[in-house]
Amino acid sequence: MPSTRELVDLLVAVSLFSKCSRGELKTIARHAETVRLEPGVALTRQGEAGDAFYVILDGTASVVVDGDIVSELGAGDWFGELALLDGQARSATVTSTGELEVAVLGVRMFRTLLREFPDLAAQLLAGMAAALREARI
């Protein structure tokens, strides 16, 4: 498991956090739990309630909607924010496809960070807008 300093260094490369200062990243890193998973572990399940936001630090995961793989995720990608923002059920199942290391922020901390760091909220909105544009192609 990475130290707080190592986690900050990993989070610097995540586009969602690109406008955050090192101090803000340190706060995020202190409140995130780092988890290593084996292949085949479902981190989210479509239709279930969301309780956490995830950032992939290393490894890959597949995104499945209604039984079809719709995307592959890798280091620097994030997921799980929609269910935390709107309180609706998870829109996809995300499963590790190899060994996977993720930083996990629970719903309370995720919402607190969005309130405390407006740049983070803006980056999240920009990332979601980009994903929506890509999905419409």
N, C-alpha and C. Protein backbone atom coordinates (compact mmCIF):
# COMPACT_ATOMS: atom_id res chain seq x y z
N MET A 1 0.84 -1.18 0.00
CA MET A 1 0.00 0.00 0.00
C MET A 1 0.89 1.25 0.00
N PRO A 2 0.52 2.22 -0.82
CA PRO A 2 1.34 3.43 -0.87
C PRO A 2 1.16 4.29 0.38
N SER A 3 2.23 5.01 0.73
CA SER A 3 2.16 5.98 1.82
C SER A 3 1.33 7.17 1.33
N THR A 4 1.00 8.09 2.23
CA THR A 4 0.25 9.29 1.83
C THR A 4 1.02 10.05 0.75
N ARG A 5 2.33 10.19 0.93
CA ARG A 5 3.15 10.91 -0.05
C ARG A 5 3.14 10.20 -1.41
N GLU A 6 3.25 8.88 -1.39
CA GLU A 6 3.22 8.11 -2.65
C GLU A 6 1.85 8.23 -3.31
N LEU A 7 0.79 8.21 -2.50
CA LEU A 7 -0.56 8.34 -3.05
C LEU A 7 -0.75 9.72 -3.68
N VAL A 8 -0.23 10.75 -3.05
CA VAL A 8 -0.29 12.10 -3.63
C VAL A 8 0.40 12.09 -4.99
N ASP A 9 1.56 11.46 -5.08
CA ASP A 9 2.29 11.39 -6.36
C ASP A 9 1.49 10.66 -7.43
N LEU A 10 0.72 9.65 -7.04
CA LEU A 10 -0.13 8.93 -7.99
C LEU A 10 -1.33 9.79 -8.40
N LEU A 11 -1.91 10.50 -7.44
CA LEU A 11 -3.10 11.31 -7.72
C LEU A 11 -2.79 12.50 -8.62
N VAL A 12 -1.55 12.98 -8.60
CA VAL A 12 -1.15 14.09 -9.47
C VAL A 12 -1.42 13.76 -10.93
N ALA A 13 -1.29 12.49 -11.30
CA ALA A 13 -1.46 12.07 -12.70
C ALA A 13 -2.92 11.87 -13.08
N VAL A 14 -3.84 11.98 -12.15
CA VAL A 14 -5.26 11.78 -12.42
C VAL A 14 -5.88 13.10 -12.87
N SER A 15 -6.46 13.11 -14.07
CA SER A 15 -6.98 14.37 -14.62
C SER A 15 -8.01 15.03 -13.71
N LEU A 16 -8.78 14.25 -13.00
CA LEU A 16 -9.79 14.79 -12.09
C LEU A 16 -9.17 15.74 -11.07
N PHE A 17 -7.94 15.44 -10.67
CA PHE A 17 -7.28 16.21 -9.62
C PHE A 17 -6.25 17.21 -10.15
N SER A 18 -6.25 17.46 -11.46
CA SER A 18 -5.20 18.28 -12.07
C SER A 18 -5.15 19.71 -11.55
N LYS A 19 -6.25 20.26 -11.09
CA LYS A 19 -6.27 21.64 -10.60
C LYS A 19 -6.10 21.72 -9.09
N CYS A 20 -5.92 20.59 -8.45
CA CYS A 20 -5.76 20.57 -7.00
C CYS A 20 -4.30 20.86 -6.63
N SER A 21 -4.11 21.57 -5.53
CA SER A 21 -2.77 21.83 -5.01
C SER A 21 -2.26 20.55 -4.34
N ARG A 22 -0.95 20.53 -4.06
CA ARG A 22 -0.39 19.37 -3.35
C ARG A 22 -1.03 19.25 -1.97
N GLY A 23 -1.34 20.37 -1.35
CA GLY A 23 -2.00 20.34 -0.05
C GLY A 23 -3.38 19.71 -0.12
N GLU A 24 -4.13 20.07 -1.16
CA GLU A 24 -5.46 19.48 -1.35
C GLU A 24 -5.33 17.98 -1.64
N LEU A 25 -4.34 17.63 -2.48
CA LEU A 25 -4.13 16.22 -2.78
C LEU A 25 -3.74 15.44 -1.53
N LYS A 26 -2.97 16.07 -0.67
CA LYS A 26 -2.58 15.41 0.58
C LYS A 26 -3.81 15.14 1.44
N THR A 27 -4.74 16.10 1.48
CA THR A 27 -5.99 15.91 2.23
C THR A 27 -6.79 14.75 1.64
N ILE A 28 -6.90 14.71 0.31
CA ILE A 28 -7.62 13.62 -0.35
C ILE A 28 -6.95 12.29 -0.03
N ALA A 29 -5.63 12.25 -0.14
CA ALA A 29 -4.88 11.01 0.10
C ALA A 29 -5.05 10.52 1.54
N ARG A 30 -5.07 11.45 2.48
CA ARG A 30 -5.23 11.05 3.89
C ARG A 30 -6.58 10.40 4.15
N HIS A 31 -7.60 10.81 3.37
CA HIS A 31 -8.95 10.31 3.60
C HIS A 31 -9.33 9.14 2.69
N ALA A 32 -8.46 8.80 1.77
CA ALA A 32 -8.74 7.69 0.86
C ALA A 32 -8.18 6.39 1.44
N GLU A 33 -8.87 5.33 1.17
CA GLU A 33 -8.37 4.00 1.52
C GLU A 33 -7.84 3.38 0.24
N THR A 34 -6.65 2.80 0.32
CA THR A 34 -6.06 2.15 -0.84
C THR A 34 -6.29 0.65 -0.70
N VAL A 35 -6.80 0.04 -1.78
CA VAL A 35 -7.16 -1.38 -1.76
C VAL A 35 -6.56 -2.07 -2.97
N ARG A 36 -5.98 -3.25 -2.75
CA ARG A 36 -5.49 -4.11 -3.84
C ARG A 36 -6.48 -5.25 -4.01
N LEU A 37 -6.85 -5.52 -5.27
CA LEU A 37 -7.85 -6.55 -5.55
C LEU A 37 -7.32 -7.54 -6.58
N GLU A 38 -7.77 -8.74 -6.47
CA GLU A 38 -7.46 -9.79 -7.44
C GLU A 38 -8.37 -9.64 -8.66
N PRO A 39 -8.05 -10.29 -9.75
CA PRO A 39 -8.93 -10.27 -10.92
C PRO A 39 -10.31 -10.84 -10.58
N GLY A 40 -11.34 -10.28 -11.21
CA GLY A 40 -12.69 -10.81 -11.06
C GLY A 40 -13.50 -10.26 -9.91
N VAL A 41 -13.00 -9.23 -9.23
CA VAL A 41 -13.73 -8.64 -8.11
C VAL A 41 -14.61 -7.49 -8.62
N ALA A 42 -15.91 -7.55 -8.31
CA ALA A 42 -16.83 -6.47 -8.68
C ALA A 42 -16.75 -5.37 -7.64
N LEU A 43 -16.36 -4.18 -8.09
CA LEU A 43 -16.29 -3.04 -7.18
C LEU A 43 -17.64 -2.35 -7.06
N THR A 44 -18.38 -2.30 -8.17
CA THR A 44 -19.75 -1.78 -8.15
C THR A 44 -20.62 -2.79 -8.89
N ARG A 45 -21.89 -2.79 -8.57
CA ARG A 45 -22.84 -3.66 -9.26
C ARG A 45 -24.01 -2.82 -9.74
N GLN A 46 -24.32 -2.96 -11.02
CA GLN A 46 -25.43 -2.23 -11.62
C GLN A 46 -26.70 -2.48 -10.82
N GLY A 47 -27.41 -1.39 -10.52
CA GLY A 47 -28.67 -1.51 -9.79
C GLY A 47 -28.55 -1.39 -8.28
N GLU A 48 -27.33 -1.51 -7.74
CA GLU A 48 -27.16 -1.40 -6.30
C GLU A 48 -26.88 0.05 -5.90
N ALA A 49 -27.09 0.34 -4.63
CA ALA A 49 -26.81 1.68 -4.11
C ALA A 49 -25.31 1.93 -4.12
N GLY A 50 -24.93 3.18 -4.34
CA GLY A 50 -23.53 3.55 -4.33
C GLY A 50 -23.10 4.07 -2.97
N ASP A 51 -21.92 3.65 -2.54
CA ASP A 51 -21.42 4.12 -1.25
C ASP A 51 -19.98 4.60 -1.32
N ALA A 52 -19.36 4.57 -2.52
CA ALA A 52 -17.97 4.97 -2.64
C ALA A 52 -17.64 5.42 -4.06
N PHE A 53 -16.58 6.19 -4.14
CA PHE A 53 -16.00 6.70 -5.38
C PHE A 53 -14.62 6.08 -5.51
N TYR A 54 -14.23 5.70 -6.70
CA TYR A 54 -12.97 4.98 -6.91
C TYR A 54 -12.07 5.68 -7.92
N VAL A 55 -10.77 5.64 -7.66
CA VAL A 55 -9.75 6.09 -8.61
C VAL A 55 -8.80 4.92 -8.82
N ILE A 56 -8.61 4.52 -10.07
CA ILE A 56 -7.71 3.40 -10.36
C ILE A 56 -6.28 3.92 -10.32
N LEU A 57 -5.47 3.30 -9.45
CA LEU A 57 -4.07 3.66 -9.33
C LEU A 57 -3.19 2.78 -10.20
N ASP A 58 -3.58 1.52 -10.33
CA ASP A 58 -2.81 0.56 -11.13
C ASP A 58 -3.73 -0.60 -11.51
N GLY A 59 -3.58 -1.09 -12.73
CA GLY A 59 -4.36 -2.23 -13.18
C GLY A 59 -5.50 -1.81 -14.10
N THR A 60 -6.38 -2.77 -14.38
CA THR A 60 -7.49 -2.54 -15.31
C THR A 60 -8.79 -3.10 -14.76
N ALA A 61 -9.88 -2.54 -15.28
CA ALA A 61 -11.22 -2.99 -14.90
C ALA A 61 -12.14 -2.84 -16.11
N SER A 62 -13.18 -3.66 -16.15
CA SER A 62 -14.16 -3.55 -17.22
C SER A 62 -15.44 -2.95 -16.67
N VAL A 63 -16.13 -2.20 -17.54
CA VAL A 63 -17.41 -1.59 -17.20
C VAL A 63 -18.48 -2.33 -17.99
N VAL A 64 -19.44 -2.90 -17.28
CA VAL A 64 -20.49 -3.70 -17.91
C VAL A 64 -21.85 -3.08 -17.61
N VAL A 65 -22.63 -2.86 -18.68
CA VAL A 65 -23.99 -2.34 -18.56
C VAL A 65 -24.92 -3.34 -19.23
N ASP A 66 -25.89 -3.81 -18.49
CA ASP A 66 -26.87 -4.77 -19.00
C ASP A 66 -26.20 -5.98 -19.65
N GLY A 67 -25.10 -6.43 -19.06
CA GLY A 67 -24.41 -7.63 -19.54
C GLY A 67 -23.40 -7.42 -20.64
N ASP A 68 -23.28 -6.21 -21.16
CA ASP A 68 -22.33 -5.91 -22.24
C ASP A 68 -21.18 -5.06 -21.72
N ILE A 69 -19.95 -5.44 -22.10
CA ILE A 69 -18.79 -4.62 -21.77
C ILE A 69 -18.85 -3.36 -22.62
N VAL A 70 -18.88 -2.21 -21.96
CA VAL A 70 -18.98 -0.95 -22.67
C VAL A 70 -17.70 -0.13 -22.61
N SER A 71 -16.79 -0.49 -21.70
CA SER A 71 -15.56 0.27 -21.56
C SER A 71 -14.55 -0.52 -20.75
N GLU A 72 -13.29 -0.15 -20.96
CA GLU A 72 -12.19 -0.67 -20.14
C GLU A 72 -11.56 0.53 -19.45
N LEU A 73 -11.23 0.38 -18.18
CA LEU A 73 -10.63 1.45 -17.40
C LEU A 73 -9.22 1.06 -16.99
N GLY A 74 -8.37 2.07 -16.81
CA GLY A 74 -7.00 1.84 -16.38
C GLY A 74 -6.54 2.93 -15.43
N ALA A 75 -5.25 2.92 -15.13
CA ALA A 75 -4.67 3.88 -14.19
C ALA A 75 -5.06 5.30 -14.57
N GLY A 76 -5.52 6.05 -13.58
CA GLY A 76 -5.93 7.43 -13.79
C GLY A 76 -7.42 7.60 -14.02
N ASP A 77 -8.11 6.52 -14.34
CA ASP A 77 -9.57 6.60 -14.53
C ASP A 77 -10.27 6.56 -13.17
N TRP A 78 -11.46 7.14 -13.13
CA TRP A 78 -12.27 7.13 -11.92
C TRP A 78 -13.69 6.72 -12.26
N PHE A 79 -14.41 6.24 -11.25
CA PHE A 79 -15.80 5.84 -11.44
C PHE A 79 -16.52 5.82 -10.10
N GLY A 80 -17.83 5.75 -10.18
CA GLY A 80 -18.65 5.66 -8.98
C GLY A 80 -19.25 6.97 -8.53
N GLU A 81 -18.90 8.07 -9.23
CA GLU A 81 -19.35 9.39 -8.79
C GLU A 81 -20.83 9.63 -9.02
N LEU A 82 -21.40 9.07 -10.08
CA LEU A 82 -22.80 9.38 -10.39
C LEU A 82 -23.75 8.97 -9.28
N ALA A 83 -23.62 7.76 -8.78
CA ALA A 83 -24.51 7.29 -7.72
C ALA A 83 -24.34 8.10 -6.44
N LEU A 84 -23.13 8.64 -6.23
CA LEU A 84 -22.91 9.46 -5.04
C LEU A 84 -23.50 10.85 -5.20
N LEU A 85 -23.53 11.34 -6.43
CA LEU A 85 -24.04 12.68 -6.68
C LEU A 85 -25.56 12.75 -6.69
N ASP A 86 -26.21 11.73 -7.28
CA ASP A 86 -27.66 11.82 -7.42
C ASP A 86 -28.45 10.84 -6.56
N GLY A 87 -27.76 9.97 -5.83
CA GLY A 87 -28.44 9.03 -4.95
C GLY A 87 -29.15 7.89 -5.66
N GLN A 88 -29.01 7.82 -6.98
CA GLN A 88 -29.63 6.73 -7.75
C GLN A 88 -28.77 5.48 -7.66
N ALA A 89 -29.31 4.37 -8.15
CA ALA A 89 -28.57 3.10 -8.15
C ALA A 89 -27.40 3.18 -9.13
N ARG A 90 -26.42 2.32 -8.92
CA ARG A 90 -25.26 2.24 -9.82
C ARG A 90 -25.74 1.96 -11.24
N SER A 91 -25.14 2.64 -12.21
CA SER A 91 -25.53 2.49 -13.61
C SER A 91 -24.73 1.41 -14.33
N ALA A 92 -23.70 0.87 -13.66
CA ALA A 92 -22.86 -0.15 -14.30
C ALA A 92 -22.21 -1.02 -13.24
N THR A 93 -21.76 -2.18 -13.70
CA THR A 93 -20.93 -3.05 -12.87
C THR A 93 -19.50 -2.85 -13.32
N VAL A 94 -18.61 -2.61 -12.37
CA VAL A 94 -17.19 -2.45 -12.67
C VAL A 94 -16.45 -3.58 -11.97
N THR A 95 -15.68 -4.35 -12.78
CA THR A 95 -15.01 -5.55 -12.28
C THR A 95 -13.53 -5.50 -12.65
N SER A 96 -12.68 -5.86 -11.70
CA SER A 96 -11.24 -5.90 -11.99
C SER A 96 -10.98 -6.99 -13.03
N THR A 97 -10.14 -6.67 -14.02
CA THR A 97 -9.80 -7.65 -15.06
C THR A 97 -8.40 -8.20 -14.87
N GLY A 98 -7.67 -7.63 -13.98
CA GLY A 98 -6.34 -8.08 -13.58
C GLY A 98 -6.16 -7.63 -12.15
N GLU A 99 -4.94 -7.74 -11.63
CA GLU A 99 -4.72 -7.18 -10.30
C GLU A 99 -5.01 -5.68 -10.39
N LEU A 100 -5.65 -5.15 -9.38
CA LEU A 100 -6.12 -3.78 -9.43
C LEU A 100 -5.83 -3.10 -8.10
N GLU A 101 -5.32 -1.88 -8.17
CA GLU A 101 -5.15 -1.07 -6.97
C GLU A 101 -5.99 0.19 -7.14
N VAL A 102 -6.84 0.47 -6.17
CA VAL A 102 -7.73 1.62 -6.23
C VAL A 102 -7.64 2.44 -4.95
N ALA A 103 -7.87 3.74 -5.10
CA ALA A 103 -8.08 4.61 -3.95
C ALA A 103 -9.60 4.75 -3.82
N VAL A 104 -10.10 4.58 -2.63
CA VAL A 104 -11.54 4.58 -2.39
C VAL A 104 -11.90 5.71 -1.42
N LEU A 105 -12.88 6.50 -1.83
CA LEU A 105 -13.42 7.55 -0.96
C LEU A 105 -14.88 7.22 -0.70
N GLY A 106 -15.24 7.10 0.57
CA GLY A 106 -16.63 6.86 0.93
C GLY A 106 -17.50 8.07 0.60
N VAL A 107 -18.79 7.87 0.55
CA VAL A 107 -19.73 8.89 0.12
C VAL A 107 -19.62 10.17 0.95
N ARG A 108 -19.51 10.06 2.25
CA ARG A 108 -19.44 11.26 3.10
C ARG A 108 -18.19 12.08 2.79
N MET A 109 -17.05 11.40 2.70
CA MET A 109 -15.80 12.11 2.43
C MET A 109 -15.81 12.68 1.02
N PHE A 110 -16.36 11.94 0.07
CA PHE A 110 -16.45 12.42 -1.31
C PHE A 110 -17.22 13.74 -1.35
N ARG A 111 -18.37 13.78 -0.70
CA ARG A 111 -19.20 14.99 -0.70
C ARG A 111 -18.51 16.14 0.05
N THR A 112 -17.83 15.81 1.13
CA THR A 112 -17.09 16.83 1.88
C THR A 112 -15.99 17.44 1.02
N LEU A 113 -15.26 16.60 0.30
CA LEU A 113 -14.19 17.10 -0.56
C LEU A 113 -14.73 17.99 -1.67
N LEU A 114 -15.88 17.63 -2.24
CA LEU A 114 -16.47 18.47 -3.28
C LEU A 114 -16.85 19.85 -2.74
N ARG A 115 -17.33 19.89 -1.50
CA ARG A 115 -17.68 21.18 -0.89
C ARG A 115 -16.43 22.00 -0.58
N GLU A 116 -15.40 21.34 -0.07
CA GLU A 116 -14.19 22.05 0.35
C GLU A 116 -13.30 22.47 -0.82
N PHE A 117 -13.34 21.73 -1.92
CA PHE A 117 -12.45 22.01 -3.05
C PHE A 117 -13.27 22.24 -4.32
N PRO A 118 -13.71 23.46 -4.55
CA PRO A 118 -14.54 23.75 -5.73
C PRO A 118 -13.87 23.34 -7.04
N ASP A 119 -12.54 23.43 -7.13
CA ASP A 119 -11.86 23.02 -8.35
C ASP A 119 -12.07 21.54 -8.63
N LEU A 120 -12.14 20.75 -7.57
CA LEU A 120 -12.39 19.32 -7.74
C LEU A 120 -13.78 19.09 -8.32
N ALA A 121 -14.77 19.82 -7.82
CA ALA A 121 -16.13 19.70 -8.35
C ALA A 121 -16.17 20.10 -9.82
N ALA A 122 -15.45 21.17 -10.17
CA ALA A 122 -15.41 21.63 -11.56
C ALA A 122 -14.74 20.59 -12.46
N GLN A 123 -13.66 19.98 -11.98
CA GLN A 123 -12.98 18.94 -12.76
C GLN A 123 -13.88 17.73 -12.95
N LEU A 124 -14.61 17.36 -11.92
CA LEU A 124 -15.52 16.23 -12.01
C LEU A 124 -16.60 16.51 -13.05
N LEU A 125 -17.15 17.71 -13.03
CA LEU A 125 -18.16 18.08 -14.02
C LEU A 125 -17.59 18.05 -15.44
N ALA A 126 -16.37 18.53 -15.60
CA ALA A 126 -15.73 18.51 -16.92
C ALA A 126 -15.51 17.08 -17.39
N GLY A 127 -15.09 16.22 -16.50
CA GLY A 127 -14.89 14.81 -16.85
C GLY A 127 -16.19 14.13 -17.22
N MET A 128 -17.25 14.44 -16.49
CA MET A 128 -18.55 13.86 -16.79
C MET A 128 -19.07 14.38 -18.12
N ALA A 129 -18.85 15.66 -18.41
CA ALA A 129 -19.29 16.23 -19.69
C ALA A 129 -18.56 15.57 -20.84
N ALA A 130 -17.26 15.34 -20.69
CA ALA A 130 -16.48 14.67 -21.74
C ALA A 130 -17.01 13.25 -21.97
N ALA A 131 -17.32 12.55 -20.90
CA ALA A 131 -17.85 11.19 -21.04
C ALA A 131 -19.21 11.20 -21.74
N LEU A 132 -20.05 12.18 -21.43
CA LEU A 132 -21.35 12.28 -22.10
C LEU A 132 -21.18 12.57 -23.59
N ARG A 133 -20.27 13.48 -23.91
CA ARG A 133 -20.02 13.78 -25.32
C ARG A 133 -19.55 12.54 -26.07
N GLU A 134 -18.64 11.80 -25.45
CA GLU A 134 -18.11 10.59 -26.09
C GLU A 134 -19.21 9.53 -26.26
N ALA A 135 -20.10 9.44 -25.31
CA ALA A 135 -21.17 8.45 -25.38
C ALA A 135 -22.18 8.77 -26.49
N ARG A 136 -22.28 10.02 -26.86
CA ARG A 136 -23.23 10.44 -27.88
C ARG A 136 -22.71 10.23 -29.30
N ILE A 137 -21.43 9.92 -29.42
CA ILE A 137 -20.84 9.76 -30.77
C ILE A 137 -21.38 8.52 -31.44
